[in-house]
Amino acid sequence: DAIRENGLKAEIIYACGPTPMLRAIQSYASENH
């Protein structure tokens, strides 16, 4: 939600946290290559 609200973009992602969060990030990374 914070990424969307602030209109943030990235070319690489590093993440650590609970599984539901990581699953959402994994999906986001896949959709946006």
Full PDB file with SEQRES, HELIX, SHEET, SSBOND, CRYST1, ORIGX, SCALE, CONECT and MASTER records, all heavy atoms in Angstrom:
SEQRES   1 A   33  ASP ALA ILE ARG GLU ASN GLY LEU LYS ALA GLU ILE ILE          
SEQRES   2 A   33  TYR ALA CYS GLY PRO THR PRO MET LEU ARG ALA ILE GLN          
SEQRES   3 A   33  SER TYR ALA SER GLU ASN HIS                                  
HELIX    1 AA1 ALA A    2  GLU A    5  1                                   4    
HELIX    2 AA2 THR A   19  GLU A   31  1                                  13    
CRYST1    1.000    1.000    1.000  90.00  90.00  90.00 P 1           1          
ORIGX1      1.000000  0.000000  0.000000        0.00000                         
ORIGX2      0.000000  1.000000  0.000000        0.00000                         
ORIGX3      0.000000  0.000000  1.000000        0.00000                         
SCALE1      1.000000  0.000000  0.000000        0.00000                         
SCALE2      0.000000  1.000000  0.000000        0.00000                         
SCALE3      0.000000  0.000000  1.000000        0.00000                         
ATOM      1  N   ASP A   1       0.836  -1.205   0.000  1.00  0.00           N  
ATOM      2  CA  ASP A   1       0.000   0.000   0.000  1.00  0.00           C  
ATOM      3  C   ASP A   1       0.869   1.254   0.000  1.00  0.00           C  
ATOM      4  O   ASP A   1       0.560   2.239  -0.679  1.00  0.00           O  
ATOM      5  CB  ASP A   1      -0.918   0.012   1.229  1.00  0.00           C  
ATOM      6  CG  ASP A   1      -1.949  -1.109   1.199  1.00  0.00           C  
ATOM      7  OD1 ASP A   1      -2.479  -1.392   0.108  1.00  0.00           O  
ATOM      8  OD2 ASP A   1      -2.217  -1.696   2.256  1.00  0.00           O  
ATOM      9  N   ALA A   2       1.969   1.235   0.755  1.00  0.00           N  
ATOM     10  CA  ALA A   2       2.879   2.385   0.802  1.00  0.00           C  
ATOM     11  C   ALA A   2       3.554   2.610  -0.548  1.00  0.00           C  
ATOM     12  O   ALA A   2       3.736   3.754  -0.984  1.00  0.00           O  
ATOM     13  CB  ALA A   2       3.925   2.174   1.887  1.00  0.00           C  
ATOM     14  N   ILE A   3       3.917   1.528  -1.216  1.00  0.00           N  
ATOM     15  CA  ILE A   3       4.535   1.646  -2.543  1.00  0.00           C  
ATOM     16  C   ILE A   3       3.559   2.281  -3.531  1.00  0.00           C  
ATOM     17  O   ILE A   3       3.909   3.199  -4.283  1.00  0.00           O  
ATOM     18  CB  ILE A   3       5.005   0.266  -3.032  1.00  0.00           C  
ATOM     19  CG1 ILE A   3       6.238  -0.174  -2.227  1.00  0.00           C  
ATOM     20  CG2 ILE A   3       5.315   0.283  -4.531  1.00  0.00           C  
ATOM     21  CD1 ILE A   3       6.665  -1.600  -2.483  1.00  0.00           C  
ATOM     22  N   ARG A   4       2.315   1.812  -3.502  1.00  0.00           N  
ATOM     23  CA  ARG A   4       1.308   2.357  -4.417  1.00  0.00           C  
ATOM     24  C   ARG A   4       0.965   3.806  -4.087  1.00  0.00           C  
ATOM     25  O   ARG A   4       0.870   4.657  -4.987  1.00  0.00           O  
ATOM     26  CB  ARG A   4       0.052   1.482  -4.383  1.00  0.00           C  
ATOM     27  CG  ARG A   4       0.197   0.140  -5.097  1.00  0.00           C  
ATOM     28  CD  ARG A   4      -1.134  -0.583  -5.185  1.00  0.00           C  
ATOM     29  NE  ARG A   4      -1.531  -1.116  -3.892  1.00  0.00           N  
ATOM     30  CZ  ARG A   4      -1.272  -2.352  -3.485  1.00  0.00           C  
ATOM     31  NH1 ARG A   4      -0.595  -3.177  -4.270  1.00  0.00           N  
ATOM     32  NH2 ARG A   4      -1.681  -2.777  -2.299  1.00  0.00           N  
ATOM     33  N   GLU A   5       0.764   4.094  -2.795  1.00  0.00           N  
ATOM     34  CA  GLU A   5       0.371   5.450  -2.395  1.00  0.00           C  
ATOM     35  C   GLU A   5       1.420   6.496  -2.755  1.00  0.00           C  
ATOM     36  O   GLU A   5       1.087   7.631  -3.117  1.00  0.00           O  
ATOM     37  CB  GLU A   5       0.115   5.492  -0.886  1.00  0.00           C  
ATOM     38  CG  GLU A   5      -0.343   6.851  -0.368  1.00  0.00           C  
ATOM     39  CD  GLU A   5      -0.716   6.821   1.092  1.00  0.00           C  
ATOM     40  OE1 GLU A   5      -1.848   6.406   1.406  1.00  0.00           O  
ATOM     41  OE2 GLU A   5       0.125   7.205   1.936  1.00  0.00           O  
ATOM     42  N   ASN A   6       2.687   6.097  -2.676  1.00  0.00           N  
ATOM     43  CA  ASN A   6       3.773   7.033  -2.958  1.00  0.00           C  
ATOM     44  C   ASN A   6       4.277   6.966  -4.398  1.00  0.00           C  
ATOM     45  O   ASN A   6       5.221   7.680  -4.756  1.00  0.00           O  
ATOM     46  CB  ASN A   6       4.929   6.793  -1.991  1.00  0.00           C  
ATOM     47  CG  ASN A   6       4.585   7.169  -0.562  1.00  0.00           C  
ATOM     48  OD1 ASN A   6       4.584   8.348  -0.209  1.00  0.00           O  
ATOM     49  ND2 ASN A   6       4.275   6.176   0.260  1.00  0.00           N  
ATOM     50  N   GLY A   7       3.654   6.125  -5.221  1.00  0.00           N  
ATOM     51  CA  GLY A   7       4.035   6.018  -6.624  1.00  0.00           C  
ATOM     52  C   GLY A   7       5.474   5.591  -6.834  1.00  0.00           C  
ATOM     53  O   GLY A   7       6.149   6.078  -7.754  1.00  0.00           O  
ATOM     54  N   LEU A   8       5.944   4.672  -6.004  1.00  0.00           N  
ATOM     55  CA  LEU A   8       7.349   4.271  -6.057  1.00  0.00           C  
ATOM     56  C   LEU A   8       7.603   3.234  -7.145  1.00  0.00           C  
ATOM     57  O   LEU A   8       6.759   2.393  -7.437  1.00  0.00           O  
ATOM     58  CB  LEU A   8       7.775   3.701  -4.697  1.00  0.00           C  
ATOM     59  CG  LEU A   8       7.540   4.599  -3.478  1.00  0.00           C  
ATOM     60  CD1 LEU A   8       7.992   3.889  -2.202  1.00  0.00           C  
ATOM     61  CD2 LEU A   8       8.252   5.936  -3.639  1.00  0.00           C  
ATOM     62  N   LYS A   9       8.793   3.295  -7.713  1.00  0.00           N  
ATOM     63  CA  LYS A   9       9.219   2.343  -8.738  1.00  0.00           C  
ATOM     64  C   LYS A   9      10.623   1.851  -8.412  1.00  0.00           C  
ATOM     65  O   LYS A   9      11.422   2.564  -7.801  1.00  0.00           O  
ATOM     66  CB  LYS A   9       9.233   3.000 -10.132  1.00  0.00           C  
ATOM     67  CG  LYS A   9       7.904   3.613 -10.557  1.00  0.00           C  
ATOM     68  CD  LYS A   9       6.856   2.549 -10.829  1.00  0.00           C  
ATOM     69  CE  LYS A   9       5.538   3.183 -11.315  1.00  0.00           C  
ATOM     70  NZ  LYS A   9       4.489   2.165 -11.520  1.00  0.00           N  
ATOM     71  N   ALA A  10      10.928   0.636  -8.823  1.00  0.00           N  
ATOM     72  CA  ALA A  10      12.256   0.083  -8.563  1.00  0.00           C  
ATOM     73  C   ALA A  10      12.655  -0.886  -9.669  1.00  0.00           C  
ATOM     74  O   ALA A  10      11.807  -1.401 -10.407  1.00  0.00           O  
ATOM     75  CB  ALA A  10      12.295  -0.615  -7.214  1.00  0.00           C  
ATOM     76  N   GLU A  11      13.984  -1.109  -9.754  1.00  0.00           N  
ATOM     77  CA  GLU A  11      14.530  -2.058 -10.719  1.00  0.00           C  
ATOM     78  C   GLU A  11      15.041  -3.329 -10.047  1.00  0.00           C  
ATOM     79  O   GLU A  11      15.351  -4.310 -10.725  1.00  0.00           O  
ATOM     80  CB  GLU A  11      15.673  -1.398 -11.484  1.00  0.00           C  
ATOM     81  CG  GLU A  11      15.246  -0.178 -12.287  1.00  0.00           C  
ATOM     82  CD  GLU A  11      16.433   0.680 -12.698  1.00  0.00           C  
ATOM     83  OE1 GLU A  11      16.972   1.412 -11.848  1.00  0.00           O  
ATOM     84  OE2 GLU A  11      16.818   0.594 -13.882  1.00  0.00           O  
ATOM     85  N   ILE A  12      15.126  -3.294  -8.717  1.00  0.00           N  
ATOM     86  CA  ILE A  12      15.538  -4.469  -7.953  1.00  0.00           C  
ATOM     87  C   ILE A  12      14.898  -4.380  -6.575  1.00  0.00           C  
ATOM     88  O   ILE A  12      14.697  -3.277  -6.047  1.00  0.00           O  
ATOM     89  CB  ILE A  12      17.072  -4.578  -7.857  1.00  0.00           C  
ATOM     90  CG1 ILE A  12      17.489  -5.936  -7.262  1.00  0.00           C  
ATOM     91  CG2 ILE A  12      17.678  -3.422  -7.068  1.00  0.00           C  
ATOM     92  CD1 ILE A  12      18.973  -6.243  -7.395  1.00  0.00           C  
ATOM     93  N   ILE A  13      14.573  -5.538  -6.007  1.00  0.00           N  
ATOM     94  CA  ILE A  13      13.893  -5.585  -4.708  1.00  0.00           C  
ATOM     95  C   ILE A  13      14.626  -6.528  -3.775  1.00  0.00           C  
ATOM     96  O   ILE A  13      15.028  -7.631  -4.162  1.00  0.00           O  
ATOM     97  CB  ILE A  13      12.431  -6.076  -4.860  1.00  0.00           C  
ATOM     98  CG1 ILE A  13      11.623  -5.127  -5.750  1.00  0.00           C  
ATOM     99  CG2 ILE A  13      11.766  -6.219  -3.483  1.00  0.00           C  
ATOM    100  CD1 ILE A  13      10.233  -5.668  -6.093  1.00  0.00           C  
ATOM    101  N   TYR A  14      14.786  -6.070  -2.531  1.00  0.00           N  
ATOM    102  CA  TYR A  14      15.261  -6.915  -1.440  1.00  0.00           C  
ATOM    103  C   TYR A  14      14.193  -6.868  -0.356  1.00  0.00           C  
ATOM    104  O   TYR A  14      13.762  -5.781   0.037  1.00  0.00           O  
ATOM    105  CB  TYR A  14      16.577  -6.397  -0.865  1.00  0.00           C  
ATOM    106  CG  TYR A  14      17.732  -6.337  -1.842  1.00  0.00           C  
ATOM    107  CD1 TYR A  14      18.001  -5.178  -2.564  1.00  0.00           C  
ATOM    108  CD2 TYR A  14      18.573  -7.442  -2.032  1.00  0.00           C  
ATOM    109  CE1 TYR A  14      19.084  -5.110  -3.449  1.00  0.00           C  
ATOM    110  CE2 TYR A  14      19.649  -7.389  -2.910  1.00  0.00           C  
ATOM    111  CZ  TYR A  14      19.891  -6.219  -3.618  1.00  0.00           C  
ATOM    112  OH  TYR A  14      20.950  -6.163  -4.492  1.00  0.00           O  
ATOM    113  N   ALA A  15      13.781  -8.028   0.164  1.00  0.00           N  
ATOM    114  CA  ALA A  15      12.678  -8.024   1.125  1.00  0.00           C  
ATOM    115  C   ALA A  15      12.844  -9.107   2.175  1.00  0.00           C  
ATOM    116  O   ALA A  15      13.383 -10.186   1.913  1.00  0.00           O  
ATOM    117  CB  ALA A  15      11.343  -8.211   0.407  1.00  0.00           C  
ATOM    118  N   CYS A  16      12.348  -8.795   3.382  1.00  0.00           N  
ATOM    119  CA  CYS A  16      12.337  -9.767   4.475  1.00  0.00           C  
ATOM    120  C   CYS A  16      11.092  -9.525   5.312  1.00  0.00           C  
ATOM    121  O   CYS A  16      10.776  -8.373   5.648  1.00  0.00           O  
ATOM    122  CB  CYS A  16      13.585  -9.616   5.348  1.00  0.00           C  
ATOM    123  SG  CYS A  16      13.677 -10.823   6.694  1.00  0.00           S  
ATOM    124  N   GLY A  17      10.373 -10.605   5.639  1.00  0.00           N  
ATOM    125  CA  GLY A  17       9.166 -10.430   6.432  1.00  0.00           C  
ATOM    126  C   GLY A  17       8.297 -11.670   6.421  1.00  0.00           C  
ATOM    127  O   GLY A  17       8.717 -12.739   5.954  1.00  0.00           O  
ATOM    128  N   PRO A  18       7.070 -11.537   6.902  1.00  0.00           N  
ATOM    129  CA  PRO A  18       6.167 -12.689   6.968  1.00  0.00           C  
ATOM    130  C   PRO A  18       5.776 -13.180   5.579  1.00  0.00           C  
ATOM    131  O   PRO A  18       5.810 -12.426   4.596  1.00  0.00           O  
ATOM    132  CB  PRO A  18       4.966 -12.145   7.740  1.00  0.00           C  
ATOM    133  CG  PRO A  18       5.022 -10.669   7.555  1.00  0.00           C  
ATOM    134  CD  PRO A  18       6.467 -10.310   7.466  1.00  0.00           C  
ATOM    135  N   THR A  19       5.399 -14.438   5.513  1.00  0.00           N  
ATOM    136  CA  THR A  19       5.105 -15.074   4.226  1.00  0.00           C  
ATOM    137  C   THR A  19       4.045 -14.341   3.395  1.00  0.00           C  
ATOM    138  O   THR A  19       4.239 -14.169   2.182  1.00  0.00           O  
ATOM    139  CB  THR A  19       4.691 -16.542   4.443  1.00  0.00           C  
ATOM    140  OG1 THR A  19       5.784 -17.238   5.053  1.00  0.00           O  
ATOM    141  CG2 THR A  19       4.341 -17.222   3.135  1.00  0.00           C  
ATOM    142  N   PRO A  20       2.914 -13.900   3.963  1.00  0.00           N  
ATOM    143  CA  PRO A  20       1.931 -13.196   3.124  1.00  0.00           C  
ATOM    144  C   PRO A  20       2.510 -11.948   2.452  1.00  0.00           C  
ATOM    145  O   PRO A  20       2.204 -11.670   1.284  1.00  0.00           O  
ATOM    146  CB  PRO A  20       0.822 -12.825   4.123  1.00  0.00           C  
ATOM    147  CG  PRO A  20       0.931 -13.850   5.191  1.00  0.00           C  
ATOM    148  CD  PRO A  20       2.395 -14.108   5.342  1.00  0.00           C  
ATOM    149  N   MET A  21       3.351 -11.207   3.169  1.00  0.00           N  
ATOM    150  CA  MET A  21       3.997 -10.039   2.584  1.00  0.00           C  
ATOM    151  C   MET A  21       4.927 -10.442   1.454  1.00  0.00           C  
ATOM    152  O   MET A  21       4.919  -9.846   0.368  1.00  0.00           O  
ATOM    153  CB  MET A  21       4.777  -9.284   3.662  1.00  0.00           C  
ATOM    154  CG  MET A  21       5.398  -7.975   3.177  1.00  0.00           C  
ATOM    155  SD  MET A  21       6.669  -7.317   4.302  1.00  0.00           S  
ATOM    156  CE  MET A  21       8.140  -8.136   3.648  1.00  0.00           C  
ATOM    157  N   LEU A  22       5.742 -11.462   1.684  1.00  0.00           N  
ATOM    158  CA  LEU A  22       6.685 -11.896   0.657  1.00  0.00           C  
ATOM    159  C   LEU A  22       5.967 -12.454  -0.562  1.00  0.00           C  
ATOM    160  O   LEU A  22       6.419 -12.270  -1.698  1.00  0.00           O  
ATOM    161  CB  LEU A  22       7.639 -12.945   1.234  1.00  0.00           C  
ATOM    162  CG  LEU A  22       8.574 -12.468   2.342  1.00  0.00           C  
ATOM    163  CD1 LEU A  22       9.458 -13.619   2.799  1.00  0.00           C  
ATOM    164  CD2 LEU A  22       9.427 -11.289   1.879  1.00  0.00           C  
ATOM    165  N   ARG A  23       4.841 -13.110  -0.342  1.00  0.00           N  
ATOM    166  CA  ARG A  23       4.062 -13.636  -1.463  1.00  0.00           C  
ATOM    167  C   ARG A  23       3.547 -12.489  -2.343  1.00  0.00           C  
ATOM    168  O   ARG A  23       3.583 -12.569  -3.578  1.00  0.00           O  
ATOM    169  CB  ARG A  23       2.910 -14.476  -0.940  1.00  0.00           C  
ATOM    170  CG  ARG A  23       2.192 -15.280  -2.015  1.00  0.00           C  
ATOM    171  CD  ARG A  23       1.129 -16.178  -1.402  1.00  0.00           C  
ATOM    172  NE  ARG A  23       1.702 -17.254  -0.609  1.00  0.00           N  
ATOM    173  CZ  ARG A  23       1.451 -17.467   0.674  1.00  0.00           C  
ATOM    174  NH1 ARG A  23       0.606 -16.673   1.329  1.00  0.00           N  
ATOM    175  NH2 ARG A  23       1.998 -18.479   1.310  1.00  0.00           N  
ATOM    176  N   ALA A  24       3.094 -11.408  -1.703  1.00  0.00           N  
ATOM    177  CA  ALA A  24       2.613 -10.246  -2.450  1.00  0.00           C  
ATOM    178  C   ALA A  24       3.753  -9.574  -3.213  1.00  0.00           C  
ATOM    179  O   ALA A  24       3.588  -9.151  -4.365  1.00  0.00           O  
ATOM    180  CB  ALA A  24       1.949  -9.254  -1.500  1.00  0.00           C  
ATOM    181  N   ILE A  25       4.918  -9.488  -2.587  1.00  0.00           N  
ATOM    182  CA  ILE A  25       6.080  -8.886  -3.245  1.00  0.00           C  
ATOM    183  C   ILE A  25       6.555  -9.756  -4.401  1.00  0.00           C  
ATOM    184  O   ILE A  25       6.909  -9.246  -5.475  1.00  0.00           O  
ATOM    185  CB  ILE A  25       7.212  -8.679  -2.219  1.00  0.00           C  
ATOM    186  CG1 ILE A  25       6.807  -7.592  -1.213  1.00  0.00           C  
ATOM    187  CG2 ILE A  25       8.518  -8.295  -2.914  1.00  0.00           C  
ATOM    188  CD1 ILE A  25       7.741  -7.484  -0.021  1.00  0.00           C  
ATOM    189  N   GLN A  26       6.551 -11.061  -4.198  1.00  0.00           N  
ATOM    190  CA  GLN A  26       6.935 -11.991  -5.266  1.00  0.00           C  
ATOM    191  C   GLN A  26       6.028 -11.811  -6.479  1.00  0.00           C  
ATOM    192  O   GLN A  26       6.502 -11.778  -7.624  1.00  0.00           O  
ATOM    193  CB  GLN A  26       6.869 -13.422  -4.740  1.00  0.00           C  
ATOM    194  CG  GLN A  26       7.324 -14.487  -5.721  1.00  0.00           C  
ATOM    195  CD  GLN A  26       7.092 -15.883  -5.178  1.00  0.00           C  
ATOM    196  OE1 GLN A  26       5.991 -16.207  -4.716  1.00  0.00           O  
ATOM    197  NE2 GLN A  26       8.121 -16.731  -5.209  1.00  0.00           N  
ATOM    198  N   SER A  27       4.727 -11.700  -6.229  1.00  0.00           N  
ATOM    199  CA  SER A  27       3.763 -11.509  -7.314  1.00  0.00           C  
ATOM    200  C   SER A  27       3.981 -10.174  -8.010  1.00  0.00           C  
ATOM    201  O   SER A  27       3.974 -10.088  -9.242  1.00  0.00           O  
ATOM    202  CB  SER A  27       2.339 -11.589  -6.756  1.00  0.00           C  
ATOM    203  OG  SER A  27       1.384 -11.340  -7.762  1.00  0.00           O  
ATOM    204  N   TYR A  28       4.207  -9.118  -7.225  1.00  0.00           N  
ATOM    205  CA  TYR A  28       4.455  -7.775  -7.779  1.00  0.00           C  
ATOM    206  C   TYR A  28       5.711  -7.777  -8.658  1.00  0.00           C  
ATOM    207  O   TYR A  28       5.716  -7.216  -9.760  1.00  0.00           O  
ATOM    208  CB  TYR A  28       4.603  -6.780  -6.625  1.00  0.00           C  
ATOM    209  CG  TYR A  28       5.050  -5.404  -7.016  1.00  0.00           C  
ATOM    210  CD1 TYR A  28       4.145  -4.438  -7.450  1.00  0.00           C  
ATOM    211  CD2 TYR A  28       6.401  -5.038  -6.927  1.00  0.00           C  
ATOM    212  CE1 TYR A  28       4.564  -3.164  -7.802  1.00  0.00           C  
ATOM    213  CE2 TYR A  28       6.830  -3.769  -7.276  1.00  0.00           C  
ATOM    214  CZ  TYR A  28       5.911  -2.834  -7.709  1.00  0.00           C  
ATOM    215  OH  TYR A  28       6.333  -1.563  -8.056  1.00  0.00           O  
ATOM    216  N   ALA A  29       6.766  -8.429  -8.174  1.00  0.00           N  
ATOM    217  CA  ALA A  29       8.008  -8.477  -8.937  1.00  0.00           C  
ATOM    218  C   ALA A  29       7.830  -9.234 -10.246  1.00  0.00           C  
ATOM    219  O   ALA A  29       8.346  -8.832 -11.300  1.00  0.00           O  
ATOM    220  CB  ALA A  29       9.104  -9.124  -8.095  1.00  0.00           C  
ATOM    221  N   SER A  30       7.068 -10.324 -10.188  1.00  0.00           N  
ATOM    222  CA  SER A  30       6.829 -11.121 -11.386  1.00  0.00           C  
ATOM    223  C   SER A  30       6.023 -10.334 -12.422  1.00  0.00           C  
ATOM    224  O   SER A  30       6.375 -10.321 -13.611  1.00  0.00           O  
ATOM    225  CB  SER A  30       6.093 -12.401 -11.017  1.00  0.00           C  
ATOM    226  OG  SER A  30       5.780 -13.165 -12.162  1.00  0.00           O  
ATOM    227  N   GLU A  31       4.976  -9.670 -11.973  1.00  0.00           N  
ATOM    228  CA  GLU A  31       4.114  -8.898 -12.875  1.00  0.00           C  
ATOM    229  C   GLU A  31       4.854  -7.743 -13.527  1.00  0.00           C  
ATOM    230  O   GLU A  31       4.563  -7.367 -14.675  1.00  0.00           O  
ATOM    231  CB  GLU A  31       2.908  -8.358 -12.109  1.00  0.00           C  
ATOM    232  CG  GLU A  31       1.935  -9.443 -11.656  1.00  0.00           C  
ATOM    233  CD  GLU A  31       0.897  -8.911 -10.694  1.00  0.00           C  
ATOM    234  OE1 GLU A  31       0.895  -7.686 -10.442  1.00  0.00           O  
ATOM    235  OE2 GLU A  31       0.090  -9.724 -10.178  1.00  0.00           O  
ATOM    236  N   ASN A  32       5.818  -7.170 -12.785  1.00  0.00           N  
ATOM    237  CA  ASN A  32       6.536  -6.004 -13.300  1.00  0.00           C  
ATOM    238  C   ASN A  32       7.949  -6.328 -13.793  1.00  0.00           C  
ATOM    239  O   ASN A  32       8.715  -5.414 -14.101  1.00  0.00           O  
ATOM    240  CB  ASN A  32       6.601  -4.936 -12.208  1.00  0.00           C  
ATOM    241  CG  ASN A  32       5.235  -4.344 -11.889  1.00  0.00           C  
ATOM    242  OD1 ASN A  32       4.760  -3.453 -12.585  1.00  0.00           O  
ATOM    243  ND2 ASN A  32       4.598  -4.845 -10.833  1.00  0.00           N  
ATOM    244  N   HIS A  33       8.266  -7.620 -13.859  1.00  0.00           N  
ATOM    245  CA  HIS A  33       9.561  -8.091 -14.375  1.00  0.00           C  
ATOM    246  C   HIS A  33      10.735  -7.430 -13.639  1.00  0.00           C  
ATOM    247  O   HIS A  33      11.668  -6.902 -14.256  1.00  0.00           O  
ATOM    248  CB  HIS A  33       9.651  -7.822 -15.878  1.00  0.00           C  
ATOM    249  CG  HIS A  33       8.486  -8.349 -16.661  1.00  0.00           C  
ATOM    250  ND1 HIS A  33       8.268  -9.693 -16.870  1.00  0.00           N  
ATOM    251  CD2 HIS A  33       7.434  -7.694 -17.254  1.00  0.00           C  
ATOM    252  CE1 HIS A  33       7.152  -9.849 -17.566  1.00  0.00           C  
ATOM    253  NE2 HIS A  33       6.624  -8.657 -17.809  1.00  0.00           N  
TER     254      HIS A  33                                                      
MASTER        0    0    0    2    0    0    0    6  253    1    0    3          
END                                                                             
